Amino acid sequence: MADTSHPKSSVLPTGGGQALIDPSDALILLLDHQSGLFQTVKDIPVADLRRNVEMVARLATLLDIPVITTASEPNGTNGPLMPEIHRDAPHAVYVPRKGEVNAWDNDDFVAQVRSTGRRTLIMAGVWTSVCVMFPALDARAAGYDVYAILDASGDPSEMASRTSLARFVQGGVRPITTNSLLSELHRTWARPEAADLAQLYALAAPNYGAVIESYVRAQEAARQSS
């Protein structure tokens, strides 16, 4: 079972937030988002996948959530990490691996995770069925609460992604999507970062970007006519 001693600072007197992610206990792990692997992804359009990963990186920066990135062998056929991650999350810590497929097999990676003191791990990666699945299950076995961002991850087939989802649920890993993660960590518009968070919704849900643009234009028109 996961360690429940961490104070749930985001729980309200009503009990709201009790079952949700506490940003102060969250750690984001972005695993093997590499250019070569992107070419094998078939269960989600690669443009959508990259946009969702970008949103996660920007959200982590905005809410001061630590990020760890890693790649098994960036000099090989899997290719380098997508540059948007470290561009949008400059505080992210990159942990090189020595060829291990499972990041949890790497002592340096696990030590970096433990050094944060955080017990809620939010993972995404390529492939979902391997690069996310293996460390997610091992982290659960080590007592962490683990979430897998399914649409910031990708697999070679729909069958692989459906099987991954089933195995996540069986193993106690909680599936989540980018827009759900954004809203769960956002929680309320009554916060100083609200305007910046609103911009992230256009990445997680592009049609919502059109809603924002229409609203802003209507407000401008109303001011001009008054």
Protein backbone atom coordinates (compact mmCIF):
# COMPACT_ATOMS: atom_id res chain seq x y z
CA MET A 1 0.00 0.00 0.00
CA ALA A 2 1.09 3.57 -0.63
CA ASP A 3 2.40 5.75 2.15
CA THR A 4 -0.52 7.88 3.38
CA SER A 5 1.44 9.93 5.89
CA HIS A 6 1.90 12.87 3.50
CA PRO A 7 -0.46 15.71 4.51
CA LYS A 8 -3.17 16.32 1.92
CA SER A 9 -2.74 20.08 1.75
CA SER A 10 -5.25 20.43 -1.10
CA VAL A 11 -8.14 18.79 0.79
CA LEU A 12 -10.87 21.29 1.67
CA PRO A 13 -13.02 21.31 4.83
CA THR A 14 -15.85 19.89 2.69
CA GLY A 15 -13.67 16.88 1.90
CA GLY A 16 -13.25 18.06 -1.67
CA GLY A 17 -9.95 16.85 -3.08
CA GLN A 18 -9.62 13.84 -0.80
CA ALA A 19 -9.57 11.47 -3.78
CA LEU A 20 -7.67 13.79 -6.11
CA ILE A 21 -3.98 14.36 -6.79
CA ASP A 22 -2.25 16.70 -4.36
CA PRO A 23 0.13 18.88 -6.42
CA SER A 24 2.48 19.26 -3.44
CA ASP A 25 3.03 15.49 -3.42
CA ALA A 26 3.18 15.00 -7.20
CA LEU A 27 6.18 14.10 -9.35
CA ILE A 28 5.97 13.89 -13.14
CA LEU A 29 8.02 11.24 -14.95
CA LEU A 30 8.35 11.60 -18.73
CA LEU A 31 9.81 8.41 -20.12
CA ASP A 32 11.38 7.80 -23.53
CA HIS A 33 9.51 10.43 -25.58
CA GLN A 34 12.02 9.87 -28.37
CA SER A 35 11.80 10.84 -32.03
CA GLY A 36 12.47 7.34 -33.35
CA LEU A 37 9.83 5.75 -31.15
CA PHE A 38 7.27 8.37 -32.22
CA GLN A 39 7.42 6.90 -35.73
CA THR A 40 6.01 3.61 -34.40
CA VAL A 41 3.04 5.12 -32.54
CA LYS A 42 -0.30 4.12 -34.08
CA ASP A 43 -2.89 4.49 -31.31
CA ILE A 44 -2.83 8.32 -31.22
CA PRO A 45 -1.83 10.93 -33.81
CA VAL A 46 1.76 11.91 -33.09
CA ALA A 47 0.89 15.62 -33.30
CA ASP A 48 -1.70 15.13 -30.54
CA LEU A 49 0.76 13.11 -28.47
CA ARG A 50 3.46 15.79 -28.69
CA ARG A 51 0.97 18.56 -27.90
CA ASN A 52 -0.24 16.70 -24.81
CA VAL A 53 3.32 16.14 -23.58
CA GLU A 54 4.02 19.83 -24.12
CA MET A 55 0.97 20.70 -22.02
CA VAL A 56 2.18 18.46 -19.19
CA ALA A 57 5.62 20.10 -19.24
CA ARG A 58 4.14 23.59 -19.17
CA LEU A 59 1.72 22.62 -16.38
CA ALA A 60 4.60 21.28 -14.30
CA THR A 61 6.47 24.56 -14.66
CA LEU A 62 3.42 26.69 -13.88
CA LEU A 63 2.57 24.73 -10.71
CA ASP A 64 6.18 24.08 -9.66
CA ILE A 65 5.89 20.29 -9.91
CA PRO A 66 9.23 18.49 -10.31
CA VAL A 67 9.85 16.57 -13.52
CA ILE A 68 12.25 13.72 -14.27
CA THR A 69 12.99 12.68 -17.84
CA THR A 70 14.96 9.71 -19.09
CA ALA A 71 15.83 7.69 -22.18
CA SER A 72 17.22 4.20 -22.46
CA GLU A 73 19.59 4.86 -25.37
CA PRO A 74 19.16 8.29 -27.02
CA ASN A 75 22.13 7.74 -29.35
CA GLY A 76 20.54 4.65 -30.91
CA THR A 77 17.62 4.12 -33.25
CA ASN A 78 15.06 5.29 -30.68
CA GLY A 79 16.40 8.81 -31.17
CA PRO A 80 16.66 11.88 -28.93
CA LEU A 81 14.01 13.16 -26.55
CA MET A 82 11.53 15.66 -27.97
CA PRO A 83 13.04 19.09 -27.19
CA GLU A 84 9.77 20.68 -26.09
CA ILE A 85 9.94 18.92 -22.73
CA HIS A 86 13.08 20.59 -21.46
CA ARG A 87 12.18 23.82 -23.26
CA ASP A 88 8.85 24.08 -21.43
CA ALA A 89 10.04 22.48 -18.18
CA PRO A 90 13.58 23.87 -17.79
CA HIS A 91 13.64 22.61 -14.21
CA ALA A 92 13.31 18.99 -15.40
CA VAL A 93 16.11 16.64 -14.39
CA TYR A 94 17.36 14.26 -17.07
CA VAL A 95 18.61 10.87 -15.87
CA PRO A 96 20.55 8.88 -18.49
CA ARG A 97 20.19 5.11 -18.45
CA LYS A 98 22.66 2.43 -19.40
CA GLY A 99 20.40 0.65 -21.85
CA GLU A 100 17.80 -0.57 -19.37
CA VAL A 101 14.37 -0.88 -20.98
CA ASN A 102 12.66 -0.43 -17.61
CA ALA A 103 13.64 2.89 -16.01
CA TRP A 104 13.02 1.35 -12.58
CA ASP A 105 15.94 -1.02 -13.26
CA ASN A 106 18.28 1.98 -13.20
CA ASP A 107 19.62 2.87 -9.74
CA ASP A 108 20.19 6.53 -10.62
CA PHE A 109 16.62 6.96 -11.82
CA VAL A 110 15.08 5.41 -8.73
CA ALA A 111 17.42 7.43 -6.49
CA GLN A 112 16.31 10.64 -8.22
CA VAL A 113 12.67 9.73 -7.69
CA ARG A 114 13.27 8.98 -4.01
CA SER A 115 15.24 12.20 -3.50
CA THR A 116 12.15 14.31 -4.18
CA GLY A 117 10.31 12.81 -1.21
CA ARG A 118 7.12 12.73 -3.28
CA ARG A 119 4.87 9.69 -3.30
CA THR A 120 2.45 10.42 -6.16
CA LEU A 121 4.04 9.59 -9.50
CA ILE A 122 2.44 10.79 -12.73
CA MET A 123 3.95 8.95 -15.70
CA ALA A 124 3.80 9.20 -19.47
CA GLY A 125 5.99 7.74 -22.16
CA VAL A 126 6.51 5.85 -25.39
CA TRP A 127 5.69 3.00 -25.51
CA THR A 128 2.82 2.87 -23.03
CA SER A 129 2.98 -0.92 -22.87
CA VAL A 130 6.69 -0.95 -22.02
CA CYS A 131 8.33 2.35 -21.04
CA VAL A 132 5.38 3.38 -18.85
CA MET A 133 4.04 -0.03 -17.88
CA PHE A 134 7.19 -1.52 -16.40
CA PRO A 135 8.23 1.35 -14.07
CA ALA A 136 4.60 2.04 -13.20
CA LEU A 137 4.06 -1.49 -11.91
CA ASP A 138 7.41 -1.51 -10.11
CA ALA A 139 6.66 1.85 -8.49
CA ARG A 140 3.31 0.52 -7.29
CA ALA A 141 5.10 -2.47 -5.80
CA ALA A 142 7.44 -0.02 -4.05
CA GLY A 143 4.47 1.71 -2.39
CA TYR A 144 3.92 4.74 -4.63
CA ASP A 145 0.59 6.04 -5.91
CA VAL A 146 0.94 5.94 -9.68
CA TYR A 147 -1.00 7.61 -12.49
CA ALA A 148 -0.47 6.93 -16.20
CA ILE A 149 -1.33 9.73 -18.66
CA LEU A 150 -2.67 7.65 -21.52
CA ASP A 151 -2.89 10.35 -24.20
CA ALA A 152 0.58 11.70 -23.41
CA SER A 153 1.82 8.19 -24.16
CA GLY A 154 1.70 6.05 -27.28
CA ASP A 155 1.77 2.44 -28.44
CA PRO A 156 2.33 0.61 -31.74
CA SER A 157 -1.29 -0.55 -31.96
CA GLU A 158 -4.78 -0.17 -30.53
CA MET A 159 -4.46 -3.72 -29.19
CA ALA A 160 -1.31 -2.76 -27.27
CA SER A 161 -2.95 0.31 -25.74
CA ARG A 162 -6.13 -1.57 -24.76
CA THR A 163 -4.09 -4.32 -23.16
CA SER A 164 -1.98 -1.72 -21.36
CA LEU A 165 -5.07 -0.08 -19.89
CA ALA A 166 -6.33 -3.42 -18.59
CA ARG A 167 -2.99 -4.26 -17.03
CA PHE A 168 -2.70 -0.81 -15.44
CA VAL A 169 -6.06 -1.23 -13.75
CA GLN A 170 -5.24 -4.77 -12.64
CA GLY A 171 -1.95 -3.54 -11.18
CA GLY A 172 -3.41 -0.56 -9.32
CA VAL A 173 -2.07 2.11 -11.68
CA ARG A 174 -4.66 4.83 -12.25
CA PRO A 175 -5.28 5.90 -15.87
CA ILE A 176 -5.69 9.61 -16.53
CA THR A 177 -5.78 11.97 -19.53
CA THR A 178 -4.07 15.30 -20.09
CA ASN A 179 -7.22 17.40 -19.76
CA SER A 180 -8.23 15.48 -16.64
CA LEU A 181 -4.78 16.01 -15.12
CA LEU A 182 -4.91 19.72 -15.93
CA SER A 183 -8.33 20.14 -14.34
CA GLU A 184 -7.47 17.98 -11.33
CA LEU A 185 -4.39 20.04 -10.51
CA HIS A 186 -6.12 23.31 -11.45
CA ARG A 187 -9.08 22.80 -9.06
CA THR A 188 -10.30 26.42 -9.00
CA TRP A 189 -10.31 29.53 -11.16
CA ALA A 190 -9.84 31.62 -8.01
CA ARG A 191 -6.05 31.46 -8.16
CA PRO A 192 -3.36 33.79 -9.49
CA GLU A 193 -2.29 31.42 -12.29
CA ALA A 194 -5.83 31.14 -13.70
CA ALA A 195 -5.15 33.04 -16.94
CA ASP A 196 -2.04 30.98 -17.66
CA LEU A 197 -3.87 27.75 -16.89
CA ALA A 198 -6.65 28.73 -19.28
CA GLN A 199 -4.09 28.85 -22.09
CA LEU A 200 -3.11 25.25 -21.36
CA TYR A 201 -6.65 24.06 -22.00
CA ALA A 202 -6.16 25.04 -25.64
CA LEU A 203 -3.38 22.45 -25.80
CA ALA A 204 -5.25 19.70 -23.98
CA ALA A 205 -8.53 20.44 -25.83
CA PRO A 206 -7.86 22.56 -28.97
CA ASN A 207 -11.56 23.31 -29.49
CA TYR A 208 -11.57 24.99 -26.09
CA GLY A 209 -8.99 27.39 -27.50
CA ALA A 210 -11.66 28.56 -29.93
CA VAL A 211 -14.06 29.05 -27.02
CA ILE A 212 -11.52 31.27 -25.26
CA GLU A 213 -10.88 33.27 -28.43
CA SER A 214 -14.60 33.81 -29.00
CA TYR A 215 -15.12 34.92 -25.41
CA VAL A 216 -12.20 37.36 -25.51
CA ARG A 217 -13.43 38.83 -28.80
CA ALA A 218 -16.97 39.23 -27.43
CA GLN A 219 -15.61 41.01 -24.34
CA GLU A 220 -13.58 43.37 -26.54
CA ALA A 221 -16.60 44.12 -28.69
CA ALA A 222 -18.72 44.83 -25.61
CA ARG A 223 -16.14 47.26 -24.29
CA GLN A 224 -15.86 49.06 -27.62
CA SER A 225 -19.63 49.52 -27.84
CA SER A 226 -20.04 50.84 -24.30
